[in-house]
PDB file of N, CA and C in Angstrom:
ATOM      1  N   MET A   1      -5.677 -29.993  -3.603  1.00  0.00           N
ATOM      2  CA  MET A   1      -5.721 -29.033  -4.682  1.00  0.00           C
ATOM      3  C   MET A   1      -4.414 -29.136  -5.457  1.00  0.00           C
ATOM      4  N   SER A   2      -4.484 -29.097  -6.772  1.00  0.00           N
ATOM      5  CA  SER A   2      -3.285 -29.207  -7.596  1.00  0.00           C
ATOM      6  C   SER A   2      -2.484 -27.907  -7.548  1.00  0.00           C
ATOM      7  N   ARG A   3      -1.273 -27.997  -8.039  1.00  0.00           N
ATOM      8  CA  ARG A   3      -0.415 -26.804  -8.053  1.00  0.00           C
ATOM      9  C   ARG A   3      -1.058 -25.690  -8.879  1.00  0.00           C
ATOM     10  N   THR A   4      -1.614 -26.036 -10.020  1.00  0.00           N
ATOM     11  CA  THR A   4      -2.279 -25.039 -10.857  1.00  0.00           C
ATOM     12  C   THR A   4      -3.467 -24.441 -10.123  1.00  0.00           C
ATOM     13  N   GLY A   5      -4.235 -25.280  -9.438  1.00  0.00           N
ATOM     14  CA  GLY A   5      -5.372 -24.793  -8.659  1.00  0.00           C
ATOM     15  C   GLY A   5      -4.931 -23.867  -7.546  1.00  0.00           C
ATOM     16  N   ASP A   6      -3.809 -24.205  -6.890  1.00  0.00           N
ATOM     17  CA  ASP A   6      -3.269 -23.345  -5.830  1.00  0.00           C
ATOM     18  C   ASP A   6      -2.863 -21.981  -6.387  1.00  0.00           C
ATOM     19  N   GLU A   7      -2.227 -21.989  -7.565  1.00  0.00           N
ATOM     20  CA  GLU A   7      -1.795 -20.730  -8.168  1.00  0.00           C
ATOM     21  C   GLU A   7      -2.990 -19.870  -8.555  1.00  0.00           C
ATOM     22  N   GLN A   8      -4.028 -20.502  -9.103  1.00  0.00           N
ATOM     23  CA  GLN A   8      -5.230 -19.751  -9.483  1.00  0.00           C
ATOM     24  C   GLN A   8      -5.917 -19.189  -8.246  1.00  0.00           C
ATOM     25  N   PHE A   9      -5.982 -19.985  -7.178  1.00  0.00           N
ATOM     26  CA  PHE A   9      -6.591 -19.517  -5.936  1.00  0.00           C
ATOM     27  C   PHE A   9      -5.825 -18.324  -5.385  1.00  0.00           C
ATOM     28  N   GLY A  10      -4.495 -18.427  -5.376  1.00  0.00           N
ATOM     29  CA  GLY A  10      -3.668 -17.332  -4.879  1.00  0.00           C
ATOM     30  C   GLY A  10      -3.845 -16.064  -5.703  1.00  0.00           C
ATOM     31  N   ARG A  11      -3.931 -16.215  -7.011  1.00  0.00           N
ATOM     32  CA  ARG A  11      -4.119 -15.060  -7.886  1.00  0.00           C
ATOM     33  C   ARG A  11      -5.480 -14.403  -7.635  1.00  0.00           C
ATOM     34  N   ARG A  12      -6.529 -15.221  -7.483  1.00  0.00           N
ATOM     35  CA  ARG A  12      -7.867 -14.675  -7.208  1.00  0.00           C
ATOM     36  C   ARG A  12      -7.897 -13.980  -5.852  1.00  0.00           C
ATOM     37  N   LEU A  13      -7.215 -14.558  -4.873  1.00  0.00           N
ATOM     38  CA  LEU A  13      -7.169 -13.946  -3.546  1.00  0.00           C
ATOM     39  C   LEU A  13      -6.495 -12.578  -3.606  1.00  0.00           C
ATOM     40  N   LEU A  14      -5.386 -12.476  -4.327  1.00  0.00           N
ATOM     41  CA  LEU A  14      -4.715 -11.188  -4.479  1.00  0.00           C
ATOM     42  C   LEU A  14      -5.603 -10.183  -5.195  1.00  0.00           C
ATOM     43  N   GLU A  15      -6.319 -10.631  -6.224  1.00  0.00           N
ATOM     44  CA  GLU A  15      -7.191  -9.723  -6.973  1.00  0.00           C
ATOM     45  C   GLU A  15      -8.297  -9.165  -6.090  1.00  0.00           C
ATOM     46  N   ARG A  16      -8.821  -9.991  -5.183  1.00  0.00           N
ATOM     47  CA  ARG A  16      -9.882  -9.519  -4.289  1.00  0.00           C
ATOM     48  C   ARG A  16      -9.326  -8.640  -3.178  1.00  0.00           C
ATOM     49  N   THR A  17      -8.169  -8.997  -2.658  1.00  0.00           N
ATOM     50  CA  THR A  17      -7.595  -8.284  -1.526  1.00  0.00           C
ATOM     51  C   THR A  17      -7.010  -6.940  -1.935  1.00  0.00           C
ATOM     52  N   TYR A  18      -6.256  -6.923  -3.016  1.00  0.00           N
ATOM     53  CA  TYR A  18      -5.582  -5.710  -3.465  1.00  0.00           C
ATOM     54  C   TYR A  18      -6.160  -5.274  -4.798  1.00  0.00           C
ATOM     55  N   GLN A  19      -7.019  -4.280  -4.764  1.00  0.00           N
ATOM     56  CA  GLN A  19      -7.579  -3.723  -5.989  1.00  0.00           C
ATOM     57  C   GLN A  19      -6.525  -2.828  -6.638  1.00  0.00           C
ATOM     58  N   PRO A  20      -6.417  -2.829  -7.968  1.00  0.00           N
ATOM     59  CA  PRO A  20      -5.459  -1.936  -8.624  1.00  0.00           C
ATOM     60  C   PRO A  20      -5.692  -0.491  -8.191  1.00  0.00           C
ATOM     61  N   GLY A  21      -4.617   0.200  -7.911  1.00  0.00           N
ATOM     62  CA  GLY A  21      -4.701   1.579  -7.451  1.00  0.00           C
ATOM     63  C   GLY A  21      -4.563   1.717  -5.944  1.00  0.00           C
ATOM     64  N   ARG A  22      -4.688   0.614  -5.218  1.00  0.00           N
ATOM     65  CA  ARG A  22      -4.547   0.677  -3.763  1.00  0.00           C
ATOM     66  C   ARG A  22      -3.119   1.096  -3.421  1.00  0.00           C
ATOM     67  N   MET A  23      -2.986   1.918  -2.395  1.00  0.00           N
ATOM     68  CA  MET A  23      -1.668   2.415  -2.016  1.00  0.00           C
ATOM     69  C   MET A  23      -1.344   2.040  -0.578  1.00  0.00           C
ATOM     70  N   ARG A  24      -0.046   1.947  -0.303  1.00  0.00           N
ATOM     71  CA  ARG A  24       0.416   1.720   1.064  1.00  0.00           C
ATOM     72  C   ARG A  24       1.781   2.375   1.224  1.00  0.00           C
ATOM     73  N   ALA A  25       2.146   2.616   2.468  1.00  0.00           N
ATOM     74  CA  ALA A  25       3.445   3.218   2.771  1.00  0.00           C
ATOM     75  C   ALA A  25       4.193   2.280   3.708  1.00  0.00           C
ATOM     76  N   ILE A  26       5.453   2.039   3.401  1.00  0.00           N
ATOM     77  CA  ILE A  26       6.276   1.190   4.258  1.00  0.00           C
ATOM     78  C   ILE A  26       7.458   2.012   4.764  1.00  0.00           C
ATOM     79  N   THR A  27       7.870   1.736   5.993  1.00  0.00           N
ATOM     80  CA  THR A  27       8.992   2.473   6.576  1.00  0.00           C
ATOM     81  C   THR A  27      10.303   2.004   5.965  1.00  0.00           C
ATOM     82  N   LEU A  28      11.233   2.920   5.867  1.00  0.00           N
ATOM     83  CA  LEU A  28      12.553   2.612   5.318  1.00  0.00           C
ATOM     84  C   LEU A  28      13.581   2.622   6.444  1.00  0.00           C
ATOM     85  N   VAL A  29      13.369   1.752   7.414  1.00  0.00           N
ATOM     86  CA  VAL A  29      14.289   1.609   8.541  1.00  0.00           C
ATOM     87  C   VAL A  29      14.649   0.135   8.669  1.00  0.00           C
ATOM     88  N   PRO A  30      15.827  -0.168   9.218  1.00  0.00           N
ATOM     89  CA  PRO A  30      16.188  -1.573   9.400  1.00  0.00           C
ATOM     90  C   PRO A  30      15.293  -2.249  10.433  1.00  0.00           C
ATOM     91  N   GLY A  31      15.181  -3.552  10.323  1.00  0.00           N
ATOM     92  CA  GLY A  31      14.378  -4.313  11.275  1.00  0.00           C
ATOM     93  C   GLY A  31      13.062  -4.765  10.674  1.00  0.00           C
ATOM     94  N   PRO A  32      12.284  -5.458  11.480  1.00  0.00           N
ATOM     95  CA  PRO A  32      11.009  -5.991  10.981  1.00  0.00           C
ATOM     96  C   PRO A  32       9.988  -4.874  10.758  1.00  0.00           C
ATOM     97  N   PRO A  33       8.985  -5.115   9.902  1.00  0.00           N
ATOM     98  CA  PRO A  33       7.932  -4.113   9.697  1.00  0.00           C
ATOM     99  C   PRO A  33       7.194  -3.841  11.000  1.00  0.00           C
ATOM    100  N   ARG A  34       6.820  -2.595  11.210  1.00  0.00           N
ATOM    101  CA  ARG A  34       6.105  -2.202  12.422  1.00  0.00           C
ATOM    102  C   ARG A  34       4.906  -1.357  12.043  1.00  0.00           C
ATOM    103  N   ALA A  35       4.059  -1.140  13.030  1.00  0.00           N
ATOM    104  CA  ALA A  35       2.900  -0.271  12.823  1.00  0.00           C
ATOM    105  C   ALA A  35       3.385   1.149  12.520  1.00  0.00           C
ATOM    106  N   ALA A  36       2.623   1.865  11.726  1.00  0.00           N
ATOM    107  CA  ALA A  36       3.028   3.196  11.270  1.00  0.00           C
ATOM    108  C   ALA A  36       3.280   4.161  12.423  1.00  0.00           C
ATOM    109  N   HIS A  37       2.492   4.077  13.469  1.00  0.00           N
ATOM    110  CA  HIS A  37       2.619   5.035  14.568  1.00  0.00           C
ATOM    111  C   HIS A  37       3.871   4.823  15.416  1.00  0.00           C
ATOM    112  N   ARG A  38       4.559   3.696  15.255  1.00  0.00           N
ATOM    113  CA  ARG A  38       5.734   3.413  16.080  1.00  0.00           C
ATOM    114  C   ARG A  38       6.912   4.325  15.753  1.00  0.00           C
ATOM    115  N   ASP A  39       7.021   4.764  14.520  1.00  0.00           N
ATOM    116  CA  ASP A  39       8.137   5.622  14.118  1.00  0.00           C
ATOM    117  C   ASP A  39       7.633   6.629  13.082  1.00  0.00           C
ATOM    118  N   PRO A  40       6.838   7.616  13.518  1.00  0.00           N
ATOM    119  CA  PRO A  40       6.199   8.522  12.557  1.00  0.00           C
ATOM    120  C   PRO A  40       7.169   9.441  11.812  1.00  0.00           C
ATOM    121  N   HIS A  41       8.394   9.592  12.305  1.00  0.00           N
ATOM    122  CA  HIS A  41       9.344  10.495  11.658  1.00  0.00           C
ATOM    123  C   HIS A  41      10.302   9.771  10.716  1.00  0.00           C
ATOM    124  N   ALA A  42      10.130   8.462  10.545  1.00  0.00           N
ATOM    125  CA  ALA A  42      10.989   7.692   9.647  1.00  0.00           C
ATOM    126  C   ALA A  42      10.564   7.919   8.196  1.00  0.00           C
ATOM    127  N   PRO A  43      11.521   7.882   7.274  1.00  0.00           N
ATOM    128  CA  PRO A  43      11.158   8.023   5.863  1.00  0.00           C
ATOM    129  C   PRO A  43      10.304   6.840   5.400  1.00  0.00           C
ATOM    130  N   ARG A  44       9.480   7.077   4.394  1.00  0.00           N
ATOM    131  CA  ARG A  44       8.552   6.061   3.897  1.00  0.00           C
ATOM    132  C   ARG A  44       8.670   5.922   2.381  1.00  0.00           C
ATOM    133  N   ALA A  45       8.413   4.716   1.902  1.00  0.00           N
ATOM    134  CA  ALA A  45       8.235   4.467   0.473  1.00  0.00           C
ATOM    135  C   ALA A  45       6.739   4.303   0.247  1.00  0.00           C
ATOM    136  N   VAL A  46       6.190   5.080  -0.668  1.00  0.00           N
ATOM    137  CA  VAL A  46       4.773   4.985  -1.010  1.00  0.00           C
ATOM    138  C   VAL A  46       4.667   4.075  -2.227  1.00  0.00           C
ATOM    139  N   LEU A  47       3.859   3.021  -2.096  1.00  0.00           N
ATOM    140  CA  LEU A  47       3.711   2.019  -3.147  1.00  0.00           C
ATOM    141  C   LEU A  47       2.273   1.964  -3.640  1.00  0.00           C
ATOM    142  N   ARG A  48       2.100   1.617  -4.931  1.00  0.00           N
ATOM    143  CA  ARG A  48       0.768   1.462  -5.510  1.00  0.00           C
ATOM    144  C   ARG A  48       0.679   0.069  -6.151  1.00  0.00           C
ATOM    145  N   TRP A  49      -0.414  -0.642  -5.878  1.00  0.00           N
ATOM    146  CA  TRP A  49      -0.651  -1.970  -6.446  1.00  0.00           C
ATOM    147  C   TRP A  49      -1.195  -1.792  -7.858  1.00  0.00           C
ATOM    148  N   ASP A  50      -0.544  -2.406  -8.858  1.00  0.00           N
ATOM    149  CA  ASP A  50      -0.993  -2.254 -10.244  1.00  0.00           C
ATOM    150  C   ASP A  50      -1.768  -3.464 -10.750  1.00  0.00           C
ATOM    151  N   GLY A  51      -2.078  -4.379  -9.860  1.00  0.00           N
ATOM    152  CA  GLY A  51      -2.802  -5.584 -10.249  1.00  0.00           C
ATOM    153  C   GLY A  51      -1.905  -6.807 -10.296  1.00  0.00           C
ATOM    154  N   GLU A  52      -0.589  -6.581 -10.382  1.00  0.00           N
ATOM    155  CA  GLU A  52       0.360  -7.689 -10.412  1.00  0.00           C
ATOM    156  C   GLU A  52       1.449  -7.558  -9.359  1.00  0.00           C
ATOM    157  N   ARG A  53       1.858  -6.321  -9.079  1.00  0.00           N
ATOM    158  CA  ARG A  53       2.927  -6.105  -8.095  1.00  0.00           C
ATOM    159  C   ARG A  53       2.835  -4.681  -7.548  1.00  0.00           C
ATOM    160  N   TRP A  54       3.539  -4.454  -6.439  1.00  0.00           N
ATOM    161  CA  TRP A  54       3.608  -3.124  -5.842  1.00  0.00           C
ATOM    162  C   TRP A  54       4.669  -2.326  -6.585  1.00  0.00           C
ATOM    163  N   LYS A  55       4.322  -1.104  -7.011  1.00  0.00           N
ATOM    164  CA  LYS A  55       5.269  -0.241  -7.718  1.00  0.00           C
ATOM    165  C   LYS A  55       5.531   1.004  -6.878  1.00  0.00           C
ATOM    166  N   LEU A  56       6.773   1.428  -6.862  1.00  0.00           N
ATOM    167  CA  LEU A  56       7.172   2.611  -6.108  1.00  0.00           C
ATOM    168  C   LEU A  56       6.578   3.861  -6.745  1.00  0.00           C
ATOM    169  N   VAL A  57       5.921   4.671  -5.917  1.00  0.00           N
ATOM    170  CA  VAL A  57       5.348   5.942  -6.368  1.00  0.00           C
ATOM    171  C   VAL A  57       6.259   7.084  -5.943  1.00  0.00           C
ATOM    172  N   ALA A  58       6.687   7.057  -4.680  1.00  0.00           N
ATOM    173  CA  ALA A  58       7.523   8.141  -4.161  1.00  0.00           C
ATOM    174  C   ALA A  58       8.200   7.702  -2.875  1.00  0.00           C
ATOM    175  N   VAL A  59       9.267   8.388  -2.533  1.00  0.00           N
ATOM    176  CA  VAL A  59       9.912   8.248  -1.229  1.00  0.00           C
ATOM    177  C   VAL A  59       9.704   9.586  -0.533  1.00  0.00           C
ATOM    178  N   VAL A  60       9.118   9.540   0.658  1.00  0.00           N
ATOM    179  CA  VAL A  60       8.767  10.772   1.378  1.00  0.00           C
ATOM    180  C   VAL A  60       9.445  10.794   2.744  1.00  0.00           C
ATOM    181  N   ALA A  61       9.442  11.967   3.368  1.00  0.00           N
ATOM    182  CA  ALA A  61      10.201  12.187   4.599  1.00  0.00           C
ATOM    183  C   ALA A  61       9.619  11.525   5.840  1.00  0.00           C
ATOM    184  N   ASP A  62       8.287  11.450   5.958  1.00  0.00           N
ATOM    185  CA  ASP A  62       7.702  10.931   7.194  1.00  0.00           C
ATOM    186  C   ASP A  62       6.272  10.441   6.961  1.00  0.00           C
ATOM    187  N   LEU A  63       5.626  10.012   8.037  1.00  0.00           N
ATOM    188  CA  LEU A  63       4.270   9.464   7.958  1.00  0.00           C
ATOM    189  C   LEU A  63       3.267  10.487   7.442  1.00  0.00           C
ATOM    190  N   ALA A  64       3.357  11.727   7.916  1.00  0.00           N
ATOM    191  CA  ALA A  64       2.407  12.758   7.476  1.00  0.00           C
ATOM    192  C   ALA A  64       2.507  12.993   5.970  1.00  0.00           C
ATOM    193  N   ALA A  65       3.723  13.031   5.446  1.00  0.00           N
ATOM    194  CA  ALA A  65       3.906  13.225   4.004  1.00  0.00           C
ATOM    195  C   ALA A  65       3.382  12.023   3.224  1.00  0.00           C
ATOM    196  N   ALA A  66       3.565  10.827   3.765  1.00  0.00           N
ATOM    197  CA  ALA A  66       3.057   9.620   3.102  1.00  0.00           C
ATOM    198  C   ALA A  66       1.534   9.627   3.067  1.00  0.00           C
ATOM    199  N   GLN A  67       0.909  10.006   4.174  1.00  0.00           N
ATOM    200  CA  GLN A  67      -0.553  10.054   4.211  1.00  0.00           C
ATOM    201  C   GLN A  67      -1.088  11.104   3.245  1.00  0.00           C
ATOM    202  N   ALA A  68      -0.407  12.240   3.153  1.00  0.00           N
ATOM    203  CA  ALA A  68      -0.837  13.278   2.211  1.00  0.00           C
ATOM    204  C   ALA A  68      -0.700  12.786   0.776  1.00  0.00           C
ATOM    205  N   ARG A  69       0.353  12.041   0.499  1.00  0.00           N
ATOM    206  CA  ARG A  69       0.575  11.522  -0.860  1.00  0.00           C
ATOM    207  C   ARG A  69      -0.456  10.457  -1.228  1.00  0.00           C
ATOM    208  N   MET A  70      -0.882   9.660  -0.255  1.00  0.00           N
ATOM    209  CA  MET A  70      -1.834   8.577  -0.521  1.00  0.00           C
ATOM    210  C   MET A  70      -3.279   9.053  -0.533  1.00  0.00           C
ATOM    211  N   ARG A  71      -3.537  10.243   0.000  1.00  0.00           N
ATOM    212  CA  ARG A  71      -4.899  10.764   0.060  1.00  0.00           C
ATOM    213  C   ARG A  71      -5.445  10.912  -1.354  1.00  0.00           C
ATOM    214  N   SER A  72      -6.678  10.524  -1.526  1.00  0.00           N
ATOM    215  CA  SER A  72      -7.320  10.588  -2.833  1.00  0.00           C
ATOM    216  C   SER A  72      -7.494  12.037  -3.281  1.00  0.00           C
ATOM    217  N   ASP A  73      -7.349  12.261  -4.574  1.00  0.00           N
ATOM    218  CA  ASP A  73      -7.589  13.590  -5.135  1.00  0.00           C
ATOM    219  C   ASP A  73      -9.079  13.867  -5.289  1.00  0.00           C
ATOM    220  N   HIS A  74      -9.887  12.825  -5.202  1.00  0.00           N
ATOM    221  CA  HIS A  74     -11.327  12.977  -5.357  1.00  0.00           C
ATOM    222  C   HIS A  74     -11.930  13.482  -4.056  1.00  0.00           C
ATOM    223  N   PRO A  75     -12.777  14.495  -4.141  1.00  0.00           N
ATOM    224  CA  PRO A  75     -13.424  14.958  -2.906  1.00  0.00           C
ATOM    225  C   PRO A  75     -14.390  13.907  -2.383  1.00  0.00           C
ATOM    226  N   GLY A  76     -14.625  13.940  -1.111  1.00  0.00           N
ATOM    227  CA  GLY A  76     -15.560  13.002  -0.495  1.00  0.00           C
ATOM    228  C   GLY A  76     -16.995  13.367  -0.820  1.00  0.00           C
ATOM    229  N   PRO A  77     -17.933  12.677  -0.218  1.00  0.00           N
ATOM    230  CA  PRO A  77     -19.339  12.985  -0.469  1.00  0.00           C
ATOM    231  C   PRO A  77     -19.700  14.359   0.096  1.00  0.00           C
ATOM    232  N   GLU A  78     -20.757  14.904  -0.417  1.00  0.00           N
ATOM    233  CA  GLU A  78     -21.231  16.205   0.062  1.00  0.00           C
ATOM    234  C   GLU A  78     -21.569  16.114   1.543  1.00  0.00           C
ATOM    235  N   PRO A  79     -21.217  17.131   2.331  1.00  0.00           N
ATOM    236  CA  PRO A  79     -21.602  17.097   3.750  1.00  0.00           C
ATOM    237  C   PRO A  79     -23.110  17.221   3.899  1.00  0.00           C
ATOM    238  N   TRP A  80     -23.625  16.748   4.985  1.00  0.00           N
ATOM    239  CA  TRP A  80     -25.080  16.763   5.211  1.00  0.00           C
ATOM    240  C   TRP A  80     -25.564  18.139   5.438  1.00  0.00           C
TER     241      TRP A  80
END
């Protein structure tokens, strides 16, 4: 595959994997990335994918605050 083909493939893969508006929270502690439950009281950066890169939305105190910030404002489906 040519370099241009590789770049197009990578771009398409990102577009499929990360839909614009998708959010994630990363810990703000030294060391390698870890699972969220390993340090639930560590501060977090909440990021949103805009289609090209991750943009900072907020810095929050802990995992619970990050989950509340990432929760959709749209209500779920009607209960049965």
